Amino acid sequence: MLWFGLGAPSAIANPPHQSAPHQSPTLSALLLNPQRLQQALDQQNIVGAIRQVELGWKTQYEEYYQGKLTSQLVEVADMARALERLHRITGQKTALVYAIPTPKALELVVVFPGTRPIHKRVTAANREALGQLARSFRLGIIDPNSPSQAYLKPGQQLYSWIMTPIESELQAQGIDTLIFCLGTRLRSLPLAALHDGKQFLVEKYNLAIIPAFNLLDSSPSQLQNAQVLAMGASEFRNLPPLPAVPIELATITEQLWQGKALLNQDFTPQRLKAERNAQPFSIVHLATHAEFSPGSIHDSYIQFWNSRVSPDQFRDLELRVPAVQLLVLSACRTALDPQAELGFAGSAVMSGSKATLASLWAVSDAGTLVLMTEFYRQLRSAPIKAAALRQAQLTMLHQQVRLATNPAIQTQRTAELPPPLASQRHAVLSHPYYWAGFTLVGNPW
């Protein structure tokens, strides 16, 4: 079936059937043939190469989630027209960047609004070198006490491989938003912290990642007058407490947005569905432990008060009809593993939401609270969701906001901070550990 159009329904045609517990999926090594891809690119058949990538990666996600995700096929010319139309609607000019690691090189393909795509090959960035550098880069960031060189040096090398070859074309086209479609070992890369020697990537562009364009609902979000259902837990039986959650939920629903907050015992899948049946909340905010783990899809989860929901059960949350414009997982973490990456990058598709905002690692309570409240404050006026996330990250990077000075948190709430948070009231949150892991997955508009 050939499908394209803004305002289209969710990409999932037939949600996967639940499989037997603890059955680990085997990812086929032949989903995307590097030799065939290279041959197409050598022949300057960029359209054919993109089709190979889209079909190969769609199949990879379907193997991981053990079911059919979509039967649509959006051709490259239609992608370019979609980006052009979204530019007219949103005022933001978006480019789609494929970063495809192969054994011999990194293949970069960029689709621009209303014009022909381009291809660049980076032979120094073979799959092994790229994977090692990406791991070093992430490990340098996830320690908040690490010196800047621990992440700047690998971040600059990655920038020179991923961004430098295409940057002149991006600038010539006036691009301000990048959506990345990434291959294995790159899907858990904190793109916002790539560095050109002077600036982080987030200082230049709005950013998002997608699993594949054919798995994307590209219609612009409708967030005006949207209601948020903010749910979460501060206490857990077998997991660390999240003492900032009550303040996070109350601040979002009372100070920043219209909505409803439900905490602890009220935070159940049944209550979520009941609330959505009574009122179609367009934003669902879940402040709880969530993890995308190595191995079986059943090892990954969102923790509710009384149960865990694995990614293949996300559809049971009934977020698809009416479609949730944004699902926020504010205490998420993702392992550095190919299968965990698939769970993270496919989260929006499986949940039925247009986009998911989640973190690649477990950020401190103070950092999460500041980022989340800043994001909602920016979302009130930002042209697109990705711009709101970028502005929130920049306020932290440039030390414009701390827990004690966050305008979204009222004075009386700051005075009520529990001891673990009170000690971080004046903590500096400019290190990439605090902001670079938060990633918008899916529709950035």
Protein backbone atom coordinates (compact mmCIF):
# COMPACT_ATOMS: atom_id res chain seq x y z
CA MET A 1 0.00 0.00 0.00
CA LEU A 2 1.38 3.41 -0.94
CA TRP A 3 0.41 6.08 1.56
CA PHE A 4 1.39 9.65 2.15
CA GLY A 5 -0.14 12.75 3.59
CA LEU A 6 -0.15 15.16 6.50
CA GLY A 7 -2.79 14.56 9.09
CA ALA A 8 -2.55 10.82 8.50
CA PRO A 9 -3.33 8.20 11.12
CA SER A 10 -0.69 6.48 13.22
CA ALA A 11 1.89 4.49 11.30
CA ILE A 12 1.03 1.21 12.99
CA ALA A 13 -1.20 -0.71 10.62
CA ASN A 14 -1.46 -3.93 12.60
CA PRO A 15 -0.16 -3.77 16.20
CA PRO A 16 2.08 -6.71 17.07
CA HIS A 17 0.60 -9.69 18.85
CA GLN A 18 2.05 -10.35 22.29
CA SER A 19 4.61 -13.09 22.23
CA ALA A 20 5.51 -15.70 24.78
CA PRO A 21 7.25 -14.27 27.86
CA HIS A 22 11.05 -14.12 27.89
CA GLN A 23 11.37 -15.00 24.22
CA SER A 24 14.37 -13.00 23.00
CA PRO A 25 14.16 -11.77 19.40
CA THR A 26 16.94 -12.58 16.97
CA LEU A 27 17.91 -9.62 14.79
CA SER A 28 18.68 -10.67 11.24
CA ALA A 29 22.10 -9.72 9.93
CA LEU A 30 20.72 -9.36 6.42
CA LEU A 31 18.08 -6.71 7.03
CA LEU A 32 20.15 -4.07 5.26
CA ASN A 33 22.81 -5.32 2.85
CA PRO A 34 25.84 -2.98 3.07
CA GLN A 35 27.26 -4.11 -0.28
CA ARG A 36 23.99 -3.49 -2.09
CA LEU A 37 23.60 -0.14 -0.35
CA GLN A 38 27.12 0.90 -1.34
CA GLN A 39 26.50 -0.17 -4.92
CA ALA A 40 23.36 1.98 -5.11
CA LEU A 41 25.21 4.98 -3.69
CA ASP A 42 28.20 4.44 -5.99
CA GLN A 43 25.76 4.60 -8.88
CA GLN A 44 24.31 7.82 -7.39
CA ASN A 45 21.00 6.06 -6.93
CA ILE A 46 20.22 7.88 -3.68
CA VAL A 47 16.50 7.26 -3.99
CA GLY A 48 17.07 3.51 -4.24
CA ALA A 49 19.50 3.61 -1.31
CA ILE A 50 17.00 5.41 0.93
CA ARG A 51 14.35 2.86 0.00
CA GLN A 52 16.73 0.05 1.04
CA VAL A 53 17.42 1.74 4.37
CA GLU A 54 13.77 2.45 5.10
CA LEU A 55 12.66 -1.10 4.33
CA GLY A 56 15.64 -2.68 6.09
CA TRP A 57 15.29 -0.69 9.29
CA LYS A 58 11.49 -1.05 9.32
CA THR A 59 12.01 -4.81 9.18
CA GLN A 60 14.56 -4.59 11.99
CA TYR A 61 12.06 -2.83 14.25
CA GLU A 62 9.36 -5.32 13.28
CA GLU A 63 11.62 -8.22 14.24
CA TYR A 64 12.37 -6.60 17.59
CA TYR A 65 8.71 -5.84 18.33
CA GLN A 66 7.65 -9.18 16.78
CA GLY A 67 4.89 -7.89 14.55
CA LYS A 68 3.94 -5.78 11.55
CA LEU A 69 4.29 -2.04 12.19
CA THR A 70 3.21 -0.49 8.90
CA SER A 71 2.50 -1.27 5.27
CA GLN A 72 3.04 2.26 4.01
CA LEU A 73 5.84 3.23 1.64
CA VAL A 74 6.70 6.92 1.47
CA GLU A 75 8.97 7.65 -1.48
CA VAL A 76 11.79 10.18 -1.29
CA ALA A 77 10.02 12.78 -3.42
CA ASP A 78 7.07 12.63 -1.04
CA MET A 79 9.40 13.01 1.95
CA ALA A 80 10.83 16.18 0.41
CA ARG A 81 7.35 17.53 -0.29
CA ALA A 82 6.28 16.74 3.27
CA LEU A 83 9.24 18.66 4.69
CA GLU A 84 8.48 21.57 2.38
CA ARG A 85 4.85 21.70 3.47
CA LEU A 86 5.81 21.45 7.15
CA HIS A 87 8.13 24.42 6.63
CA ARG A 88 5.20 26.47 5.37
CA ILE A 89 2.99 25.38 8.27
CA THR A 90 5.45 25.65 11.18
CA GLY A 91 8.02 28.18 9.95
CA GLN A 92 10.75 25.65 10.80
CA LYS A 93 12.86 24.23 7.97
CA THR A 94 13.68 20.57 8.56
CA ALA A 95 16.20 18.20 6.99
CA LEU A 96 16.14 14.42 7.39
CA VAL A 97 19.62 12.97 8.03
CA TYR A 98 20.31 9.25 7.56
CA ALA A 99 23.51 8.13 9.32
CA ILE A 100 24.20 4.55 8.19
CA PRO A 101 27.21 2.73 9.66
CA THR A 102 28.67 0.04 7.39
CA PRO A 103 31.76 -2.13 7.89
CA LYS A 104 33.85 0.17 5.68
CA ALA A 105 32.37 3.65 6.06
CA LEU A 106 29.67 5.91 7.46
CA GLU A 107 27.13 6.70 4.75
CA LEU A 108 25.35 10.05 5.21
CA VAL A 109 22.24 10.84 3.18
CA VAL A 110 20.25 14.05 3.64
CA VAL A 111 16.71 14.74 2.40
CA PHE A 112 15.90 18.45 2.11
CA PRO A 113 12.53 20.19 1.76
CA GLY A 114 11.49 20.35 -1.88
CA THR A 115 14.84 19.52 -3.44
CA ARG A 116 17.11 16.59 -4.26
CA PRO A 117 18.84 14.57 -1.52
CA ILE A 118 22.62 14.45 -1.14
CA HIS A 119 25.07 11.70 -0.18
CA LYS A 120 28.43 11.84 1.62
CA ARG A 121 30.74 8.93 2.51
CA VAL A 122 33.12 9.09 5.49
CA THR A 123 35.63 6.25 5.09
CA ALA A 124 37.44 6.99 8.37
CA ALA A 125 34.22 6.29 10.27
CA ASN A 126 33.90 2.56 9.67
CA ARG A 127 31.45 0.67 11.87
CA GLU A 128 34.06 -0.47 14.41
CA ALA A 129 35.70 2.95 14.82
CA LEU A 130 32.33 4.68 15.00
CA GLY A 131 31.00 2.29 17.64
CA GLN A 132 34.05 2.65 19.85
CA LEU A 133 33.99 6.44 19.64
CA ALA A 134 30.25 6.64 20.30
CA ARG A 135 30.69 4.52 23.43
CA SER A 136 33.58 6.66 24.67
CA PHE A 137 31.57 9.82 24.04
CA ARG A 138 28.54 8.63 25.97
CA LEU A 139 30.61 7.28 28.87
CA GLY A 140 32.32 10.67 29.15
CA ILE A 141 28.97 12.43 29.48
CA ILE A 142 27.05 10.22 31.90
CA ASP A 143 29.42 11.10 34.75
CA PRO A 144 28.42 14.61 35.98
CA ASN A 145 31.86 15.04 37.52
CA SER A 146 33.80 14.22 34.37
CA PRO A 147 36.13 16.91 32.97
CA SER A 148 35.05 18.54 29.72
CA GLN A 149 37.75 16.78 27.71
CA ALA A 150 36.19 13.42 28.55
CA TYR A 151 33.30 14.23 26.22
CA LEU A 152 34.52 17.16 24.11
CA LYS A 153 37.31 15.25 22.37
CA PRO A 154 35.16 12.31 21.19
CA GLY A 155 32.23 14.69 20.64
CA GLN A 156 34.30 16.79 18.26
CA GLN A 157 35.50 13.74 16.35
CA LEU A 158 31.95 12.49 15.99
CA TYR A 159 30.87 15.95 14.83
CA SER A 160 33.58 15.91 12.15
CA TRP A 161 32.28 12.56 10.90
CA ILE A 162 28.51 13.11 11.14
CA MET A 163 28.00 16.86 10.72
CA THR A 164 30.98 18.46 8.99
CA PRO A 165 30.47 16.66 5.63
CA ILE A 166 26.90 17.97 5.33
CA GLU A 167 27.03 21.27 7.21
CA SER A 168 27.65 23.58 4.25
CA GLU A 169 24.54 22.20 2.51
CA LEU A 170 22.48 22.56 5.70
CA GLN A 171 23.55 26.18 6.03
CA ALA A 172 22.93 26.92 2.35
CA GLN A 173 19.40 25.55 2.69
CA GLY A 174 18.70 27.54 5.89
CA ILE A 175 17.94 24.40 7.91
CA ASP A 176 17.06 24.93 11.59
CA THR A 177 15.68 21.48 12.53
CA LEU A 178 17.32 18.07 12.06
CA ILE A 179 15.60 14.72 12.34
CA PHE A 180 18.09 11.87 12.43
CA CYS A 181 17.37 8.35 11.23
CA LEU A 182 20.21 6.38 12.77
CA GLY A 183 21.77 2.95 12.45
CA THR A 184 22.93 0.52 15.13
CA ARG A 185 25.20 1.98 17.85
CA LEU A 186 24.14 5.51 16.97
CA ARG A 187 20.54 5.37 18.22
CA SER A 188 21.62 5.97 21.82
CA LEU A 189 24.02 8.78 20.90
CA PRO A 190 23.39 12.06 22.80
CA LEU A 191 23.33 14.12 19.61
CA ALA A 192 22.71 17.40 21.41
CA ALA A 193 26.23 17.27 22.87
CA LEU A 194 28.15 16.79 19.61
CA HIS A 195 30.61 19.67 19.45
CA ASP A 196 32.25 21.58 16.61
CA GLY A 197 35.04 23.05 18.75
CA LYS A 198 33.03 26.17 19.58
CA GLN A 199 29.41 25.11 20.03
CA PHE A 200 27.30 22.11 20.87
CA LEU A 201 25.00 20.84 18.13
CA VAL A 202 21.95 21.86 20.21
CA GLU A 203 23.13 25.47 20.02
CA LYS A 204 22.61 25.33 16.25
CA TYR A 205 19.58 23.13 15.56
CA ASN A 206 16.36 21.72 16.94
CA LEU A 207 16.88 17.95 17.14
CA ALA A 208 14.87 14.73 17.05
CA ILE A 209 15.41 11.10 16.09
CA ILE A 210 13.07 8.76 14.23
CA PRO A 211 13.21 4.98 13.61
CA ALA A 212 12.27 5.43 9.92
CA PHE A 213 10.28 7.98 7.96
CA ASN A 214 7.80 5.25 7.08
CA LEU A 215 7.13 4.80 10.81
CA LEU A 216 6.52 8.53 11.36
CA ASP A 217 3.22 10.36 11.69
CA SER A 218 4.38 13.61 10.09
CA SER A 219 1.29 15.72 10.71
CA PRO A 220 2.05 18.78 12.89
CA SER A 221 0.93 18.51 16.50
CA GLN A 222 -2.06 20.39 17.81
CA LEU A 223 -1.06 21.54 21.31
CA GLN A 224 -3.11 24.71 21.63
CA ASN A 225 -5.58 24.24 24.50
CA ALA A 226 -4.18 20.74 25.00
CA GLN A 227 -4.63 19.12 28.40
CA VAL A 228 -1.86 17.16 30.14
CA LEU A 229 -2.44 14.04 32.20
CA ALA A 230 0.55 13.99 34.57
CA MET A 231 0.98 10.75 36.50
CA GLY A 232 3.82 9.27 38.49
CA ALA A 233 5.19 7.71 41.65
CA SER A 234 7.63 8.95 44.26
CA GLU A 235 7.88 5.63 46.12
CA PHE A 236 8.55 2.12 44.83
CA ARG A 237 8.78 -1.31 46.36
CA ASN A 238 11.99 -2.47 44.62
CA LEU A 239 13.32 0.69 42.94
CA PRO A 240 14.90 3.90 44.26
CA PRO A 241 12.46 6.66 45.27
CA LEU A 242 11.90 9.71 43.06
CA PRO A 243 11.34 12.49 45.62
CA ALA A 244 10.98 15.23 43.00
CA VAL A 245 7.94 13.65 41.36
CA PRO A 246 5.19 15.29 43.50
CA ILE A 247 6.66 18.73 42.84
CA GLU A 248 7.15 17.92 39.15
CA LEU A 249 3.52 16.86 38.65
CA ALA A 250 2.06 19.74 40.65
CA THR A 251 4.21 22.37 38.95
CA ILE A 252 3.31 21.11 35.47
CA THR A 253 -0.43 20.94 36.08
CA GLU A 254 -0.82 23.97 38.37
CA GLN A 255 1.75 26.47 37.11
CA LEU A 256 2.64 25.60 33.52
CA TRP A 257 -0.17 23.78 31.79
CA GLN A 258 -3.80 22.83 32.13
CA GLY A 259 -4.33 19.30 33.28
CA LYS A 260 -4.64 16.72 36.00
CA ALA A 261 -2.05 15.13 38.31
CA LEU A 262 -2.30 11.63 39.80
CA LEU A 263 0.30 10.25 42.22
CA ASN A 264 1.37 6.89 43.64
CA GLN A 265 -1.69 4.64 44.25
CA ASP A 266 -3.62 6.49 41.53
CA PHE A 267 -0.84 5.81 39.01
CA THR A 268 -2.05 2.64 37.29
CA PRO A 269 -2.62 1.63 33.65
CA GLN A 270 -6.32 1.21 34.41
CA ARG A 271 -6.58 4.76 35.77
CA LEU A 272 -4.66 6.15 32.79
CA LYS A 273 -7.12 4.53 30.38
CA ALA A 274 -10.13 5.62 32.44
CA GLU A 275 -8.94 9.24 32.52
CA ARG A 276 -8.28 9.22 28.78
CA ASN A 277 -11.71 7.75 28.13
CA ALA A 278 -13.30 10.54 30.16
CA GLN A 279 -11.18 13.29 28.55
CA PRO A 280 -8.82 12.96 25.55
CA PHE A 281 -5.64 14.33 27.12
CA SER A 282 -3.26 15.23 24.28
CA ILE A 283 -0.14 15.09 26.48
CA VAL A 284 0.60 12.17 28.80
CA HIS A 285 3.43 12.77 31.27
CA LEU A 286 4.71 9.76 33.22
CA ALA A 287 7.17 10.59 36.01
CA THR A 288 8.42 7.13 36.90
CA HIS A 289 11.19 4.65 36.32
CA ALA A 290 11.32 3.43 32.73
CA GLU A 291 14.06 1.38 31.18
CA PHE A 292 15.01 0.10 27.74
CA SER A 293 17.22 -2.89 28.49
CA PRO A 294 19.41 -5.34 26.55
CA GLY A 295 17.98 -8.68 25.49
CA SER A 296 14.31 -9.50 25.34
CA ILE A 297 11.68 -6.84 24.78
CA HIS A 298 10.09 -8.10 28.00
CA ASP A 299 13.06 -6.87 30.05
CA SER A 300 12.22 -3.26 29.16
CA TYR A 301 9.40 -1.50 30.98
CA ILE A 302 7.53 1.51 32.27
CA GLN A 303 6.94 1.14 36.01
CA PHE A 304 3.43 1.90 37.22
CA TRP A 305 2.39 1.81 40.87
CA ASN A 306 1.10 -1.76 40.73
CA SER A 307 2.66 -3.22 37.58
CA ARG A 308 5.17 -2.93 34.78
CA VAL A 309 4.27 -2.41 31.14
CA SER A 310 6.75 -3.70 28.54
CA PRO A 311 7.15 -2.06 25.10
CA ASP A 312 5.10 -4.71 23.32
CA GLN A 313 2.26 -3.87 25.75
CA PHE A 314 2.42 -0.11 25.15
CA ARG A 315 -0.50 -0.42 22.75
CA ASP A 316 -2.62 -1.65 25.68
CA LEU A 317 -2.37 1.83 27.21
CA GLU A 318 -4.73 2.97 24.43
CA LEU A 319 -2.80 6.13 23.53
CA ARG A 320 -3.51 5.76 19.83
CA VAL A 321 -7.19 6.79 19.62
CA PRO A 322 -7.38 9.68 19.95
CA ALA A 323 -3.66 9.99 19.28
CA VAL A 324 -1.51 11.37 22.09
CA GLN A 325 0.50 14.24 20.65
CA LEU A 326 3.33 13.80 23.17
CA LEU A 327 4.27 11.06 25.65
CA VAL A 328 6.84 12.16 28.25
CA LEU A 329 8.89 9.62 30.23
CA SER A 330 10.70 11.83 32.70
CA ALA A 331 12.84 9.24 34.52
CA CYS A 332 13.87 6.97 31.67
CA ARG A 333 17.18 5.30 30.91
CA THR A 334 18.45 3.31 27.93
CA ALA A 335 21.27 0.79 27.86
CA LEU A 336 24.07 1.08 25.31
CA ASP A 337 22.98 -1.99 23.37
CA PRO A 338 21.51 -2.54 19.87
CA GLN A 339 18.26 -4.06 21.14
CA ALA A 340 17.80 -1.46 23.89
CA GLU A 341 18.33 1.19 21.21
CA LEU A 342 15.52 -0.32 19.14
CA GLY A 343 13.19 -0.11 22.13
CA PHE A 344 14.07 3.53 22.75
CA ALA A 345 13.95 4.69 19.12
CA GLY A 346 10.71 2.79 18.50
CA SER A 347 8.94 4.02 21.64
CA ALA A 348 6.72 6.56 19.89
CA VAL A 349 5.64 4.03 17.25
CA MET A 350 4.75 1.35 19.77
CA SER A 351 2.95 3.66 22.19
CA GLY A 352 0.86 5.19 19.41
CA SER A 353 1.92 8.72 20.37
CA LYS A 354 3.22 11.12 17.74
CA ALA A 355 6.38 11.69 19.77
CA THR A 356 8.07 10.57 22.96
CA LEU A 357 10.35 12.68 25.13
CA ALA A 358 12.65 10.44 27.15
CA SER A 359 16.21 10.32 28.48
CA LEU A 360 19.07 8.08 27.47
CA TRP A 361 20.34 7.73 31.02
CA ALA A 362 19.02 8.26 34.55
CA VAL A 363 19.45 11.99 35.23
CA SER A 364 19.53 13.40 38.76
CA ASP A 365 16.23 14.43 40.36
CA ALA A 366 17.26 18.08 40.29
CA GLY A 367 18.30 17.96 36.64
CA THR A 368 15.10 16.17 35.60
CA LEU A 369 12.87 18.57 37.53
CA VAL A 370 14.52 21.64 36.02
CA LEU A 371 14.57 20.25 32.48
CA MET A 372 10.96 19.09 32.56
CA THR A 373 9.53 22.30 34.01
CA GLU A 374 11.60 24.39 31.60
CA PHE A 375 10.39 22.25 28.69
CA TYR A 376 6.73 22.86 29.52
CA ARG A 377 7.38 26.56 30.04
CA GLN A 378 9.01 26.78 26.60
CA LEU A 379 6.31 24.62 25.00
CA ARG A 380 3.71 27.34 25.60
CA SER A 381 5.32 29.59 22.96
CA ALA A 382 7.71 27.42 20.92
CA PRO A 383 6.80 26.85 17.24
CA ILE A 384 7.43 23.10 17.51
CA LYS A 385 8.13 20.54 20.24
CA ALA A 386 11.79 20.14 19.27
CA ALA A 387 12.32 23.90 19.68
CA ALA A 388 10.86 23.77 23.20
CA LEU A 389 13.26 20.98 24.17
CA ARG A 390 16.20 22.84 22.64
CA GLN A 391 15.41 26.05 24.56
CA ALA A 392 15.08 24.11 27.81
CA GLN A 393 18.46 22.48 27.21
CA LEU A 394 20.07 25.84 26.38
CA THR A 395 18.85 27.44 29.61
CA MET A 396 20.68 24.70 31.51
CA LEU A 397 23.79 24.75 29.34
CA HIS A 398 24.12 28.53 29.68
CA GLN A 399 23.46 28.43 33.45
CA GLN A 400 20.34 30.57 33.11
CA VAL A 401 18.34 28.40 35.49
CA ARG A 402 18.91 26.29 38.57
CA LEU A 403 16.52 24.55 40.93
CA ALA A 404 16.36 27.63 43.19
CA THR A 405 15.88 30.08 40.31
CA ASN A 406 13.56 28.08 38.04
CA PRO A 407 10.68 30.50 37.35
CA ALA A 408 8.26 27.61 36.96
CA ILE A 409 8.72 26.43 40.55
CA GLN A 410 7.00 28.76 42.99
CA THR A 411 8.82 29.95 46.12
CA GLN A 412 6.57 27.95 48.39
CA ARG A 413 7.35 24.77 46.49
CA THR A 414 11.09 25.41 46.65
CA ALA A 415 10.75 25.72 50.41
CA GLU A 416 9.06 22.29 50.48
CA LEU A 417 11.87 20.47 48.68
CA PRO A 418 12.76 17.13 50.30
CA PRO A 419 16.33 16.88 51.67
CA PRO A 420 17.89 15.16 48.61
CA LEU A 421 16.62 18.01 46.41
CA ALA A 422 17.16 20.82 48.88
CA SER A 423 20.88 20.06 48.89
CA GLN A 424 20.94 20.60 45.10
CA ARG A 425 18.97 23.87 45.15
CA HIS A 426 21.94 25.90 43.86
CA ALA A 427 23.69 23.13 41.90
CA VAL A 428 25.07 24.16 38.51
CA LEU A 429 23.38 22.08 35.80
CA SER A 430 25.43 23.05 32.73
CA HIS A 431 27.28 19.73 32.36
CA PRO A 432 25.83 17.71 29.44
CA TYR A 433 24.98 14.93 31.89
CA TYR A 434 22.02 17.01 33.05
CA TRP A 435 20.53 17.95 29.66
CA ALA A 436 22.03 16.06 26.70
CA GLY A 437 20.31 12.74 27.36
CA PHE A 438 16.79 14.10 26.91
CA THR A 439 15.76 13.16 23.39
CA LEU A 440 12.66 13.74 21.31
CA VAL A 441 11.75 10.54 19.46
CA GLY A 442 9.31 10.79 16.57
CA ASN A 443 7.44 13.85 15.28
CA PRO A 444 9.45 17.02 16.15
CA TRP A 445 6.69 19.35 14.97
